[in-house]
């Protein structure tokens, strides 16, 4: 299992968290996605043979949340 953390611009609403988590957790290959509201980070655990970290970042950005940086953990 691979892990990645994505730093977003400051989040302003709890519904943002639900939108990101629901979308990512439904995606094949993503084991878990957790949004940290206070730090505006998205922590993910995923199977790199099924989905790449770059693809997860693209998905977050398509939802309308610019990713400032990402880091494989």
PDB file of N, CA and C in Angstrom:
ATOM      1  N   UNK A   1       0.841  -1.185   0.000  1.00  0.00           N
ATOM      2  CA  UNK A   1       0.000   0.000   0.000  1.00  0.00           C
ATOM      3  C   UNK A   1       0.885   1.246   0.000  1.00  0.00           C
ATOM      4  N   UNK A   2       0.572   2.177  -0.864  1.00  0.00           N
ATOM      5  CA  UNK A   2       1.297   3.448  -0.915  1.00  0.00           C
ATOM      6  C   UNK A   2       0.483   4.516  -0.197  1.00  0.00           C
ATOM      7  N   UNK A   3       1.185   5.555   0.235  1.00  0.00           N
ATOM      8  CA  UNK A   3       0.520   6.668   0.913  1.00  0.00           C
ATOM      9  C   UNK A   3       0.967   7.969   0.271  1.00  0.00           C
ATOM     10  N   UNK A   4       0.043   8.927   0.208  1.00  0.00           N
ATOM     11  CA  UNK A   4       0.380  10.252  -0.297  1.00  0.00           C
ATOM     12  C   UNK A   4      -0.430  11.288   0.468  1.00  0.00           C
ATOM     13  N   UNK A   5       0.169  12.471   0.620  1.00  0.00           N
ATOM     14  CA  UNK A   5      -0.500  13.590   1.288  1.00  0.00           C
ATOM     15  C   UNK A   5      -0.518  14.759   0.303  1.00  0.00           C
ATOM     16  N   UNK A   6      -1.689  15.356   0.147  1.00  0.00           N
ATOM     17  CA  UNK A   6      -1.866  16.488  -0.763  1.00  0.00           C
ATOM     18  C   UNK A   6      -2.217  17.728   0.040  1.00  0.00           C
ATOM     19  N   UNK A   7      -1.444  18.799  -0.165  1.00  0.00           N
ATOM     20  CA  UNK A   7      -1.704  20.069   0.517  1.00  0.00           C
ATOM     21  C   UNK A   7      -2.605  20.915  -0.374  1.00  0.00           C
ATOM     22  N   UNK A   8      -3.764  21.290   0.153  1.00  0.00           N
ATOM     23  CA  UNK A   8      -4.715  22.101  -0.597  1.00  0.00           C
ATOM     24  C   UNK A   8      -4.707  23.534  -0.088  1.00  0.00           C
ATOM     25  N   UNK A   9      -5.377  24.404  -0.847  1.00  0.00           N
ATOM     26  CA  UNK A   9      -5.625  25.753  -0.344  1.00  0.00           C
ATOM     27  C   UNK A   9      -6.553  25.607   0.854  1.00  0.00           C
ATOM     28  N   UNK A  10      -6.609  26.605   1.738  1.00  0.00           N
ATOM     29  CA  UNK A  10      -7.463  26.471   2.934  1.00  0.00           C
ATOM     30  C   UNK A  10      -8.905  26.095   2.588  1.00  0.00           C
ATOM     31  N   UNK A  11      -9.404  25.079   3.269  1.00  0.00           N
ATOM     32  CA  UNK A  11     -10.784  24.636   3.067  1.00  0.00           C
ATOM     33  C   UNK A  11     -11.708  25.506   3.921  1.00  0.00           C
ATOM     34  N   UNK A  12     -12.886  25.805   3.395  1.00  0.00           N
ATOM     35  CA  UNK A  12     -13.774  26.719   4.100  1.00  0.00           C
ATOM     36  C   UNK A  12     -15.061  26.085   4.599  1.00  0.00           C
ATOM     37  N   UNK A  13     -15.373  24.864   4.148  1.00  0.00           N
ATOM     38  CA  UNK A  13     -16.655  24.292   4.561  1.00  0.00           C
ATOM     39  C   UNK A  13     -16.580  22.783   4.755  1.00  0.00           C
ATOM     40  N   UNK A  14     -17.330  22.288   5.724  1.00  0.00           N
ATOM     41  CA  UNK A  14     -17.360  20.838   5.964  1.00  0.00           C
ATOM     42  C   UNK A  14     -17.857  20.039   4.766  1.00  0.00           C
ATOM     43  N   UNK A  15     -18.719  20.630   3.918  1.00  0.00           N
ATOM     44  CA  UNK A  15     -19.209  19.886   2.755  1.00  0.00           C
ATOM     45  C   UNK A  15     -18.084  19.625   1.751  1.00  0.00           C
ATOM     46  N   UNK A  16     -17.041  20.474   1.767  1.00  0.00           N
ATOM     47  CA  UNK A  16     -15.866  20.256   0.910  1.00  0.00           C
ATOM     48  C   UNK A  16     -15.210  18.922   1.285  1.00  0.00           C
ATOM     49  N   UNK A  17     -15.103  18.686   2.572  1.00  0.00           N
ATOM     50  CA  UNK A  17     -14.480  17.461   3.084  1.00  0.00           C
ATOM     51  C   UNK A  17     -15.252  16.249   2.594  1.00  0.00           C
ATOM     52  N   UNK A  18     -16.563  16.288   2.753  1.00  0.00           N
ATOM     53  CA  UNK A  18     -17.414  15.167   2.363  1.00  0.00           C
ATOM     54  C   UNK A  18     -17.305  14.888   0.866  1.00  0.00           C
ATOM     55  N   UNK A  19     -17.284  15.952   0.075  1.00  0.00           N
ATOM     56  CA  UNK A  19     -17.203  15.819  -1.384  1.00  0.00           C
ATOM     57  C   UNK A  19     -15.898  15.120  -1.794  1.00  0.00           C
ATOM     58  N   UNK A  20     -14.780  15.549  -1.226  1.00  0.00           N
ATOM     59  CA  UNK A  20     -13.481  14.964  -1.568  1.00  0.00           C
ATOM     60  C   UNK A  20     -13.416  13.512  -1.080  1.00  0.00           C
ATOM     61  N   UNK A  21     -13.755  13.291   0.197  1.00  0.00           N
ATOM     62  CA  UNK A  21     -13.659  11.941   0.769  1.00  0.00           C
ATOM     63  C   UNK A  21     -14.570  10.959   0.044  1.00  0.00           C
ATOM     64  N   UNK A  22     -15.808  11.359  -0.240  1.00  0.00           N
ATOM     65  CA  UNK A  22     -16.759  10.463  -0.903  1.00  0.00           C
ATOM     66  C   UNK A  22     -16.244  10.068  -2.284  1.00  0.00           C
ATOM     67  N   UNK A  23     -15.792  11.049  -3.052  1.00  0.00           N
ATOM     68  CA  UNK A  23     -15.303  10.776  -4.404  1.00  0.00           C
ATOM     69  C   UNK A  23     -14.087   9.851  -4.372  1.00  0.00           C
ATOM     70  N   UNK A  24     -13.116  10.159  -3.533  1.00  0.00           N
ATOM     71  CA  UNK A  24     -11.892   9.356  -3.497  1.00  0.00           C
ATOM     72  C   UNK A  24     -12.144   7.962  -2.933  1.00  0.00           C
ATOM     73  N   UNK A  25     -12.959   7.855  -1.895  1.00  0.00           N
ATOM     74  CA  UNK A  25     -13.207   6.548  -1.284  1.00  0.00           C
ATOM     75  C   UNK A  25     -14.002   5.607  -2.193  1.00  0.00           C
ATOM     76  N   UNK A  26     -14.700   6.159  -3.184  1.00  0.00           N
ATOM     77  CA  UNK A  26     -15.436   5.330  -4.149  1.00  0.00           C
ATOM     78  C   UNK A  26     -14.546   4.872  -5.300  1.00  0.00           C
ATOM     79  N   UNK A  27     -13.347   5.409  -5.397  1.00  0.00           N
ATOM     80  CA  UNK A  27     -12.474   5.135  -6.529  1.00  0.00           C
ATOM     81  C   UNK A  27     -11.711   3.824  -6.337  1.00  0.00           C
ATOM     82  N   UNK A  28     -11.712   3.008  -7.381  1.00  0.00           N
ATOM     83  CA  UNK A  28     -11.004   1.732  -7.309  1.00  0.00           C
ATOM     84  C   UNK A  28      -9.511   1.976  -7.107  1.00  0.00           C
ATOM     85  N   UNK A  29      -8.920   1.226  -6.195  1.00  0.00           N
ATOM     86  CA  UNK A  29      -7.491   1.345  -5.919  1.00  0.00           C
ATOM     87  C   UNK A  29      -7.185   2.218  -4.714  1.00  0.00           C
ATOM     88  N   UNK A  30      -8.132   3.075  -4.334  1.00  0.00           N
ATOM     89  CA  UNK A  30      -7.924   3.926  -3.153  1.00  0.00           C
ATOM     90  C   UNK A  30      -8.493   3.199  -1.945  1.00  0.00           C
ATOM     91  N   UNK A  31      -7.615   2.887  -1.002  1.00  0.00           N
ATOM     92  CA  UNK A  31      -8.004   2.178   0.217  1.00  0.00           C
ATOM     93  C   UNK A  31      -8.706   3.123   1.194  1.00  0.00           C
ATOM     94  N   UNK A  32      -8.118   4.311   1.375  1.00  0.00           N
ATOM     95  CA  UNK A  32      -8.742   5.297   2.260  1.00  0.00           C
ATOM     96  C   UNK A  32      -8.303   6.706   1.874  1.00  0.00           C
ATOM     97  N   UNK A  33      -9.201   7.644   2.123  1.00  0.00           N
ATOM     98  CA  UNK A  33      -8.914   9.058   1.901  1.00  0.00           C
ATOM     99  C   UNK A  33      -9.496   9.823   3.077  1.00  0.00           C
ATOM    100  N   UNK A  34      -8.671  10.636   3.713  1.00  0.00           N
ATOM    101  CA  UNK A  34      -9.097  11.386   4.893  1.00  0.00           C
ATOM    102  C   UNK A  34      -8.685  12.835   4.713  1.00  0.00           C
ATOM    103  N   UNK A  35      -9.644  13.740   4.865  1.00  0.00           N
ATOM    104  CA  UNK A  35      -9.358  15.168   4.745  1.00  0.00           C
ATOM    105  C   UNK A  35      -9.150  15.741   6.142  1.00  0.00           C
ATOM    106  N   UNK A  36      -8.040  16.426   6.323  1.00  0.00           N
ATOM    107  CA  UNK A  36      -7.730  17.081   7.589  1.00  0.00           C
ATOM    108  C   UNK A  36      -8.124  18.561   7.421  1.00  0.00           C
ATOM    109  N   UNK A  37      -9.284  18.932   7.976  1.00  0.00           N
ATOM    110  CA  UNK A  37      -9.850  20.266   7.749  1.00  0.00           C
ATOM    111  C   UNK A  37      -8.917  21.382   8.223  1.00  0.00           C
ATOM    112  N   UNK A  38      -8.369  21.265   9.425  1.00  0.00           N
ATOM    113  CA  UNK A  38      -7.549  22.350   9.999  1.00  0.00           C
ATOM    114  C   UNK A  38      -6.276  22.617   9.218  1.00  0.00           C
ATOM    115  N   UNK A  39      -5.673  21.561   8.666  1.00  0.00           N
ATOM    116  CA  UNK A  39      -4.421  21.752   7.925  1.00  0.00           C
ATOM    117  C   UNK A  39      -4.642  21.757   6.412  1.00  0.00           C
ATOM    118  N   UNK A  40      -5.882  21.528   5.975  1.00  0.00           N
ATOM    119  CA  UNK A  40      -6.234  21.489   4.550  1.00  0.00           C
ATOM    120  C   UNK A  40      -5.397  20.463   3.782  1.00  0.00           C
ATOM    121  N   UNK A  41      -5.256  19.284   4.383  1.00  0.00           N
ATOM    122  CA  UNK A  41      -4.502  18.207   3.736  1.00  0.00           C
ATOM    123  C   UNK A  41      -5.423  17.026   3.470  1.00  0.00           C
ATOM    124  N   UNK A  42      -5.106  16.292   2.406  1.00  0.00           N
ATOM    125  CA  UNK A  42      -5.819  15.054   2.102  1.00  0.00           C
ATOM    126  C   UNK A  42      -4.804  13.924   2.226  1.00  0.00           C
ATOM    127  N   UNK A  43      -5.065  13.001   3.160  1.00  0.00           N
ATOM    128  CA  UNK A  43      -4.183  11.846   3.339  1.00  0.00           C
ATOM    129  C   UNK A  43      -4.826  10.648   2.654  1.00  0.00           C
ATOM    130  N   UNK A  44      -4.064   9.977   1.793  1.00  0.00           N
ATOM    131  CA  UNK A  44      -4.612   8.834   1.067  1.00  0.00           C
ATOM    132  C   UNK A  44      -3.737   7.604   1.232  1.00  0.00           C
ATOM    133  N   UNK A  45      -4.377   6.449   1.176  1.00  0.00           N
ATOM    134  CA  UNK A  45      -3.697   5.164   1.098  1.00  0.00           C
ATOM    135  C   UNK A  45      -4.250   4.488  -0.135  1.00  0.00           C
ATOM    136  N   UNK A  46      -3.358   4.007  -1.013  1.00  0.00           N
ATOM    137  CA  UNK A  46      -3.839   3.462  -2.278  1.00  0.00           C
ATOM    138  C   UNK A  46      -2.917   2.361  -2.798  1.00  0.00           C
ATOM    139  N   UNK A  47      -3.465   1.588  -3.722  1.00  0.00           N
ATOM    140  CA  UNK A  47      -2.734   0.498  -4.366  1.00  0.00           C
ATOM    141  C   UNK A  47      -2.152   1.053  -5.660  1.00  0.00           C
ATOM    142  N   UNK A  48      -0.829   1.223  -5.676  1.00  0.00           N
ATOM    143  CA  UNK A  48      -0.185   1.877  -6.816  1.00  0.00           C
ATOM    144  C   UNK A  48      -0.283   1.059  -8.104  1.00  0.00           C
ATOM    145  N   UNK A  49      -0.611  -0.213  -8.003  1.00  0.00           N
ATOM    146  CA  UNK A  49      -0.781  -1.008  -9.224  1.00  0.00           C
ATOM    147  C   UNK A  49      -2.127  -0.706  -9.888  1.00  0.00           C
ATOM    148  N   UNK A  50      -3.037  -0.059  -9.149  1.00  0.00           N
ATOM    149  CA  UNK A  50      -4.365   0.260  -9.690  1.00  0.00           C
ATOM    150  C   UNK A  50      -4.550   1.744  -9.980  1.00  0.00           C
ATOM    151  N   UNK A  51      -3.890   2.598  -9.202  1.00  0.00           N
ATOM    152  CA  UNK A  51      -4.040   4.052  -9.400  1.00  0.00           C
ATOM    153  C   UNK A  51      -2.744   4.744  -8.960  1.00  0.00           C
ATOM    154  N   UNK A  52      -2.366   5.781  -9.694  1.00  0.00           N
ATOM    155  CA  UNK A  52      -1.135   6.524  -9.397  1.00  0.00           C
ATOM    156  C   UNK A  52      -1.459   7.778  -8.584  1.00  0.00           C
ATOM    157  N   UNK A  53      -0.471   8.238  -7.826  1.00  0.00           N
ATOM    158  CA  UNK A  53      -0.634   9.444  -6.999  1.00  0.00           C
ATOM    159  C   UNK A  53      -1.027  10.650  -7.855  1.00  0.00           C
ATOM    160  N   UNK A  54      -0.477  10.745  -9.070  1.00  0.00           N
ATOM    161  CA  UNK A  54      -0.786  11.869  -9.955  1.00  0.00           C
ATOM    162  C   UNK A  54      -2.267  11.868 -10.334  1.00  0.00           C
ATOM    163  N   UNK A  55      -2.827  10.685 -10.538  1.00  0.00           N
ATOM    164  CA  UNK A  55      -4.241  10.559 -10.904  1.00  0.00           C
ATOM    165  C   UNK A  55      -5.131  11.031  -9.749  1.00  0.00           C
ATOM    166  N   UNK A  56      -4.742  10.702  -8.514  1.00  0.00           N
ATOM    167  CA  UNK A  56      -5.508  11.150  -7.347  1.00  0.00           C
ATOM    168  C   UNK A  56      -5.472  12.679  -7.274  1.00  0.00           C
ATOM    169  N   UNK A  57      -4.287  13.245  -7.517  1.00  0.00           N
ATOM    170  CA  UNK A  57      -4.159  14.706  -7.501  1.00  0.00           C
ATOM    171  C   UNK A  57      -5.055  15.333  -8.571  1.00  0.00           C
ATOM    172  N   UNK A  58      -5.088  14.747  -9.754  1.00  0.00           N
ATOM    173  CA  UNK A  58      -5.958  15.247 -10.831  1.00  0.00           C
ATOM    174  C   UNK A  58      -7.426  15.217 -10.403  1.00  0.00           C
ATOM    175  N   UNK A  59      -7.827  14.133  -9.738  1.00  0.00           N
ATOM    176  CA  UNK A  59      -9.212  13.993  -9.292  1.00  0.00           C
ATOM    177  C   UNK A  59      -9.583  15.103  -8.310  1.00  0.00           C
ATOM    178  N   UNK A  60      -8.692  15.402  -7.360  1.00  0.00           N
ATOM    179  CA  UNK A  60      -8.945  16.462  -6.375  1.00  0.00           C
ATOM    180  C   UNK A  60      -9.095  17.799  -7.101  1.00  0.00           C
ATOM    181  N   UNK A  61      -8.207  18.051  -8.077  1.00  0.00           N
ATOM    182  CA  UNK A  61      -8.248  19.318  -8.805  1.00  0.00           C
ATOM    183  C   UNK A  61      -9.513  19.428  -9.660  1.00  0.00           C
ATOM    184  N   UNK A  62      -9.969  18.303 -10.239  1.00  0.00           N
ATOM    185  CA  UNK A  62     -11.202  18.325 -11.046  1.00  0.00           C
ATOM    186  C   UNK A  62     -12.417  18.634 -10.177  1.00  0.00           C
ATOM    187  N   UNK A  63     -12.352  18.315  -8.890  1.00  0.00           N
ATOM    188  CA  UNK A  63     -13.441  18.655  -7.972  1.00  0.00           C
ATOM    189  C   UNK A  63     -13.446  20.146  -7.644  1.00  0.00           C
ATOM    190  N   UNK A  64     -12.367  20.847  -8.013  1.00  0.00           N
ATOM    191  CA  UNK A  64     -12.310  22.292  -7.803  1.00  0.00           C
ATOM    192  C   UNK A  64     -11.419  22.732  -6.663  1.00  0.00           C
ATOM    193  N   UNK A  65     -10.510  21.848  -6.242  1.00  0.00           N
ATOM    194  CA  UNK A  65      -9.607  22.184  -5.131  1.00  0.00           C
ATOM    195  C   UNK A  65      -8.163  22.146  -5.608  1.00  0.00           C
ATOM    196  N   UNK A  66      -7.528  23.316  -5.814  1.00  0.00           N
ATOM    197  CA  UNK A  66      -6.140  23.346  -6.273  1.00  0.00           C
ATOM    198  C   UNK A  66      -5.210  22.649  -5.273  1.00  0.00           C
ATOM    199  N   UNK A  67      -4.338  21.793  -5.784  1.00  0.00           N
ATOM    200  CA  UNK A  67      -3.354  21.104  -4.950  1.00  0.00           C
ATOM    201  C   UNK A  67      -2.069  21.921  -4.990  1.00  0.00           C
ATOM    202  N   UNK A  68      -1.642  22.404  -3.824  1.00  0.00           N
ATOM    203  CA  UNK A  68      -0.442  23.240  -3.749  1.00  0.00           C
ATOM    204  C   UNK A  68       0.826  22.392  -3.797  1.00  0.00           C
ATOM    205  N   UNK A  69       0.754  21.211  -3.167  1.00  0.00           N
ATOM    206  CA  UNK A  69       1.900  20.295  -3.189  1.00  0.00           C
ATOM    207  C   UNK A  69       1.428  18.896  -2.832  1.00  0.00           C
ATOM    208  N   UNK A  70       2.253  17.910  -3.193  1.00  0.00           N
ATOM    209  CA  UNK A  70       1.929  16.541  -2.823  1.00  0.00           C
ATOM    210  C   UNK A  70       3.208  15.846  -2.399  1.00  0.00           C
ATOM    211  N   UNK A  71       3.054  14.855  -1.544  1.00  0.00           N
ATOM    212  CA  UNK A  71       4.219  14.175  -0.997  1.00  0.00           C
ATOM    213  C   UNK A  71       3.865  12.697  -0.802  1.00  0.00           C
ATOM    214  N   UNK A  72       4.692  11.821  -1.349  1.00  0.00           N
ATOM    215  CA  UNK A  72       4.502  10.397  -1.089  1.00  0.00           C
ATOM    216  C   UNK A  72       5.044  10.097   0.293  1.00  0.00           C
ATOM    217  N   UNK A  73       4.275   9.360   1.071  1.00  0.00           N
ATOM    218  CA  UNK A  73       4.698   9.087   2.453  1.00  0.00           C
ATOM    219  C   UNK A  73       5.223   7.668   2.578  1.00  0.00           C
TER     220      UNK A  73
END
